[in-house]
N, C-alpha and C. Protein backbone atom coordinates (compact mmCIF):
# COMPACT_ATOMS: atom_id res chain seq x y z
N MET A 1 183.76 217.12 71.82
CA MET A 1 182.76 217.89 72.63
C MET A 1 181.65 218.35 71.89
N LYS A 2 180.36 218.22 72.17
CA LYS A 2 179.18 218.66 71.43
C LYS A 2 179.12 220.23 71.57
N ASP A 3 178.80 220.85 70.58
CA ASP A 3 178.60 222.39 70.59
C ASP A 3 179.80 223.12 71.20
N SER A 4 181.04 222.67 70.97
CA SER A 4 182.05 223.34 71.56
C SER A 4 182.32 224.77 71.27
N ILE A 5 181.77 225.30 70.21
CA ILE A 5 181.94 226.67 69.81
C ILE A 5 181.08 227.47 70.79
N THR A 6 179.80 227.08 71.02
CA THR A 6 178.96 227.65 71.91
C THR A 6 179.48 227.67 73.35
N LEU A 7 179.91 226.50 73.78
CA LEU A 7 180.46 226.31 75.15
C LEU A 7 181.62 227.19 75.17
N SER A 8 182.55 227.23 74.29
CA SER A 8 183.78 228.11 74.33
C SER A 8 183.30 229.68 74.50
N ILE A 9 182.40 230.19 73.82
CA ILE A 9 181.98 231.46 73.93
C ILE A 9 181.37 231.74 75.24
N LEU A 10 180.56 230.70 75.75
CA LEU A 10 180.00 231.03 77.05
C LEU A 10 180.94 230.89 78.17
N ALA A 11 182.05 230.18 78.01
CA ALA A 11 183.18 230.07 78.97
C ALA A 11 183.91 231.46 79.02
N ILE A 12 183.93 232.15 77.84
CA ILE A 12 184.54 233.38 77.92
C ILE A 12 183.65 234.52 78.39
N ASN A 13 182.40 234.48 77.89
CA ASN A 13 181.38 235.44 78.33
C ASN A 13 180.15 234.65 78.64
N PRO A 14 179.93 234.37 79.84
CA PRO A 14 178.65 233.51 80.35
C PRO A 14 177.29 234.27 79.90
N ASN A 15 177.33 235.65 79.73
CA ASN A 15 176.03 236.38 79.41
C ASN A 15 175.96 236.51 77.92
N ALA A 16 176.82 235.93 77.10
CA ALA A 16 176.77 236.07 75.55
C ALA A 16 175.44 235.45 75.16
N GLU A 17 174.78 236.23 74.19
CA GLU A 17 173.63 235.47 73.45
C GLU A 17 174.07 235.38 72.03
N VAL A 18 174.00 234.09 71.66
CA VAL A 18 174.70 233.70 70.37
C VAL A 18 174.01 232.43 69.83
N SER A 19 173.96 232.45 68.56
CA SER A 19 173.53 231.21 67.91
C SER A 19 174.64 230.66 66.88
N VAL A 20 174.76 229.35 66.98
CA VAL A 20 175.81 228.78 65.95
C VAL A 20 175.12 227.66 65.36
N SER A 21 175.38 227.49 64.02
CA SER A 21 174.84 226.39 63.30
C SER A 21 175.87 225.37 63.12
N ALA A 22 175.60 224.06 63.42
CA ALA A 22 176.50 222.95 63.17
C ALA A 22 177.83 223.06 63.70
N ASN A 23 177.92 223.72 64.84
CA ASN A 23 179.19 223.94 65.50
C ASN A 23 180.25 224.57 64.62
N ASP A 24 179.80 225.42 63.65
CA ASP A 24 180.69 226.01 62.73
C ASP A 24 181.03 227.53 63.18
N ILE A 25 182.25 227.77 63.39
CA ILE A 25 182.65 229.06 63.88
C ILE A 25 182.21 230.18 62.92
N ASN A 26 182.17 229.75 61.62
CA ASN A 26 181.76 230.75 60.66
C ASN A 26 180.33 231.16 60.64
N THR A 27 179.55 230.46 61.44
CA THR A 27 177.97 230.77 61.37
C THR A 27 177.66 231.47 62.68
N ILE A 28 178.41 231.97 63.45
CA ILE A 28 178.14 232.63 64.68
C ILE A 28 177.26 233.92 64.36
N VAL A 29 176.11 233.94 65.21
CA VAL A 29 175.34 235.23 64.98
C VAL A 29 175.26 235.83 66.41
N TRP A 30 175.75 236.90 66.62
CA TRP A 30 175.87 237.60 67.88
C TRP A 30 174.50 238.25 68.14
N GLU A 31 173.75 237.92 69.11
CA GLU A 31 172.40 238.47 69.29
C GLU A 31 172.37 239.49 70.40
N ASN A 32 171.32 240.33 70.39
CA ASN A 32 171.01 241.29 71.53
C ASN A 32 172.18 242.07 71.92
N ASN A 33 172.95 242.58 70.99
CA ASN A 33 173.98 243.49 71.18
C ASN A 33 175.23 242.76 71.86
N THR A 34 175.28 241.57 71.95
CA THR A 34 176.45 240.80 72.48
C THR A 34 177.64 241.27 71.89
N THR A 35 178.69 241.69 72.56
CA THR A 35 179.99 242.03 71.94
C THR A 35 180.70 240.79 71.30
N PRO A 36 180.97 240.86 70.06
CA PRO A 36 181.62 239.69 69.45
C PRO A 36 182.92 239.42 70.17
N ILE A 37 183.35 238.16 70.14
CA ILE A 37 184.59 237.71 70.70
C ILE A 37 185.39 237.34 69.37
N ALA A 38 186.76 237.62 69.41
CA ALA A 38 187.63 237.32 68.39
C ALA A 38 187.70 235.76 68.10
N GLU A 39 187.70 235.35 66.91
CA GLU A 39 187.70 233.95 66.43
C GLU A 39 188.93 233.28 67.11
N ALA A 40 190.09 233.85 67.15
CA ALA A 40 191.26 233.36 67.69
C ALA A 40 191.07 233.06 69.21
N ASP A 41 190.32 233.84 69.88
CA ASP A 41 190.04 233.73 71.41
C ASP A 41 189.13 232.52 71.55
N ILE A 42 188.07 232.40 70.70
CA ILE A 42 187.21 231.32 70.81
C ILE A 42 187.98 230.08 70.47
N LEU A 43 188.75 230.01 69.50
CA LEU A 43 189.32 228.79 69.12
C LEU A 43 190.40 228.32 70.22
N ALA A 44 191.07 229.35 70.85
CA ALA A 44 191.91 229.00 71.92
C ALA A 44 191.22 228.39 73.10
N LYS A 45 190.09 229.04 73.47
CA LYS A 45 189.34 228.59 74.59
C LYS A 45 188.74 227.18 74.24
N GLN A 46 188.33 226.93 72.94
CA GLN A 46 187.83 225.58 72.54
C GLN A 46 188.94 224.53 72.84
N LYS A 47 190.22 224.92 72.46
CA LYS A 47 191.25 223.94 72.52
C LYS A 47 191.48 223.79 74.16
N GLU A 48 191.42 224.72 74.99
CA GLU A 48 191.60 224.62 76.33
C GLU A 48 190.58 223.70 77.08
N LEU A 49 189.36 223.92 76.60
CA LEU A 49 188.28 223.16 77.24
C LEU A 49 188.31 221.69 76.72
N GLN A 50 188.69 221.51 75.39
CA GLN A 50 188.93 220.08 74.96
C GLN A 50 190.12 219.34 75.77
N THR A 51 191.12 220.13 75.92
CA THR A 51 192.16 219.47 76.75
C THR A 51 191.80 219.11 78.15
N ALA A 52 191.04 219.92 78.85
CA ALA A 52 190.47 219.68 80.24
C ALA A 52 189.51 218.53 80.10
N TYR A 53 188.73 218.46 79.05
CA TYR A 53 187.71 217.42 79.00
C TYR A 53 188.58 216.06 78.72
N ASN A 54 189.51 216.02 77.83
CA ASN A 54 190.34 214.90 77.64
C ASN A 54 191.07 214.37 78.85
N ASN A 55 191.60 215.43 79.66
CA ASN A 55 192.36 215.10 80.83
C ASN A 55 191.42 214.45 81.95
N ASN A 56 190.26 214.69 81.85
CA ASN A 56 189.17 214.13 82.94
C ASN A 56 188.43 212.93 82.38
N ALA A 57 188.91 212.38 81.43
CA ALA A 57 188.27 211.11 80.78
C ALA A 57 188.21 210.11 81.99
N TYR A 58 189.09 209.88 82.86
CA TYR A 58 189.16 208.85 83.97
C TYR A 58 187.99 209.11 84.90
N GLN A 59 187.60 210.39 85.19
CA GLN A 59 186.57 210.75 85.97
C GLN A 59 185.17 210.26 85.46
N ARG A 60 185.12 210.51 84.10
CA ARG A 60 183.79 209.96 83.52
C ARG A 60 183.79 208.42 83.54
N SER A 61 184.91 207.77 83.30
CA SER A 61 184.88 206.35 83.33
C SER A 61 184.64 205.87 84.75
N ARG A 62 185.17 206.44 85.80
CA ARG A 62 184.94 206.07 87.08
C ARG A 62 183.53 206.25 87.51
N ALA A 63 182.94 207.31 87.13
CA ALA A 63 181.58 207.58 87.63
C ALA A 63 180.63 206.51 87.08
N ILE A 64 180.93 205.95 85.97
CA ILE A 64 180.06 204.94 85.36
C ILE A 64 180.24 203.76 86.08
N ASP A 65 181.51 203.35 86.53
CA ASP A 65 181.74 202.15 87.13
C ASP A 65 181.68 202.04 88.74
N TYR A 66 181.54 203.21 89.31
CA TYR A 66 181.40 203.26 90.78
C TYR A 66 179.96 202.74 91.13
N PRO A 67 179.90 202.02 92.18
CA PRO A 67 178.56 201.55 92.66
C PRO A 67 177.82 202.83 93.08
N ALA A 68 176.54 202.69 93.14
CA ALA A 68 175.59 203.78 93.60
C ALA A 68 175.99 204.24 94.99
N ILE A 69 175.84 205.45 95.37
CA ILE A 69 176.23 206.12 96.63
C ILE A 69 175.57 205.17 97.77
N ALA A 70 174.33 204.82 97.55
CA ALA A 70 173.67 203.86 98.63
C ALA A 70 174.45 202.64 98.84
N ASP A 71 174.90 202.02 97.80
CA ASP A 71 175.68 200.74 97.93
C ASP A 71 176.99 201.15 98.51
N GLN A 72 177.59 202.23 98.15
CA GLN A 72 178.96 202.59 98.81
C GLN A 72 178.74 202.69 100.27
N LEU A 73 177.63 203.35 100.75
CA LEU A 73 177.52 203.63 102.18
C LEU A 73 177.15 202.34 102.88
N ASP A 74 176.50 201.44 102.14
CA ASP A 74 176.21 200.09 102.75
C ASP A 74 177.50 199.36 102.98
N MET A 75 178.45 199.43 102.00
CA MET A 75 179.76 198.83 102.06
C MET A 75 180.55 199.37 103.33
N ILE A 76 180.55 200.71 103.49
CA ILE A 76 181.20 201.25 104.67
C ILE A 76 180.54 200.90 105.89
N TYR A 77 179.23 200.76 106.00
CA TYR A 77 178.59 200.30 107.17
C TYR A 77 179.01 198.89 107.57
N HIS A 78 178.99 197.99 106.50
CA HIS A 78 179.22 196.58 106.81
C HIS A 78 180.76 196.37 107.00
N ALA A 79 181.52 197.25 106.65
CA ALA A 79 183.02 197.07 106.91
C ALA A 79 183.29 197.62 108.29
N GLY A 80 182.39 198.25 108.94
CA GLY A 80 182.69 198.88 110.25
C GLY A 80 183.51 200.07 110.31
N VAL A 81 183.53 200.81 109.30
CA VAL A 81 184.24 202.07 109.25
C VAL A 81 183.30 203.25 109.12
N GLY A 82 183.72 204.40 109.48
CA GLY A 82 182.85 205.63 109.37
C GLY A 82 182.56 206.13 110.78
N GLY A 83 182.95 205.47 111.80
CA GLY A 83 182.67 205.95 113.25
C GLY A 83 181.33 205.50 113.64
N THR A 84 181.21 205.57 114.96
CA THR A 84 179.98 205.20 115.56
C THR A 84 178.84 205.94 115.30
N ALA A 85 178.90 207.22 115.14
CA ALA A 85 177.65 208.03 114.84
C ALA A 85 177.12 207.54 113.44
N PHE A 86 178.05 207.38 112.51
CA PHE A 86 177.66 206.92 111.13
C PHE A 86 176.92 205.61 111.26
N GLN A 87 177.61 204.70 111.89
CA GLN A 87 177.08 203.31 112.07
C GLN A 87 175.80 203.34 112.73
N ALA A 88 175.62 204.05 113.84
CA ALA A 88 174.38 204.21 114.54
C ALA A 88 173.19 204.78 113.68
N ALA A 89 173.63 205.81 112.89
CA ALA A 89 172.50 206.36 112.12
C ALA A 89 172.13 205.40 110.92
N ILE A 90 172.89 204.72 110.34
CA ILE A 90 172.71 203.72 109.26
C ILE A 90 171.89 202.51 109.90
N LYS A 91 172.40 202.07 111.10
CA LYS A 91 171.65 200.87 111.70
C LYS A 91 170.27 201.35 112.06
N ALA A 92 170.01 202.48 112.51
CA ALA A 92 168.62 202.95 112.82
C ALA A 92 167.75 202.79 111.57
N ILE A 93 168.33 203.27 110.40
CA ILE A 93 167.44 203.09 109.21
C ILE A 93 167.31 201.73 108.77
N LYS A 94 168.36 200.90 108.96
CA LYS A 94 168.22 199.49 108.49
C LYS A 94 167.31 198.65 109.44
N ASP A 95 167.18 199.09 110.80
CA ASP A 95 166.39 198.51 111.71
C ASP A 95 164.92 198.84 111.47
N LYS A 96 164.68 200.19 111.08
CA LYS A 96 163.36 200.77 110.73
C LYS A 96 162.77 200.06 109.47
N HIS A 97 163.65 199.83 108.50
CA HIS A 97 163.24 199.16 107.26
C HIS A 97 164.01 197.86 107.09
N PRO A 98 163.81 196.87 107.72
CA PRO A 98 164.67 195.61 107.63
C PRO A 98 164.46 194.98 106.21
N LYS A 99 165.44 194.29 105.94
CA LYS A 99 165.39 193.50 104.65
C LYS A 99 164.50 192.29 104.71
N GLU A 100 163.56 192.18 103.76
CA GLU A 100 162.64 191.10 103.98
C GLU A 100 162.98 189.78 103.36
């Protein structure tokens, strides 16, 4: 995860004003009177966020492979599912803009 130290800090305190160089916890500069967060808490949050990120790898993979929403809706329409109101609305658009 890119910039995970900063993301971890902001997950703990969304209002924190901080700068971090090279994602190195030893370079944290707390700005504008932001109350410092203990290093152990930042590292624990970083581990938690990394675990959540890793556990959701399938979502990122699926998002890349799914057809575009417009294509998915076209599949639903042509399969005859989604109810008559859905099909009527899509048919009206298809009729208004026919395939040439």
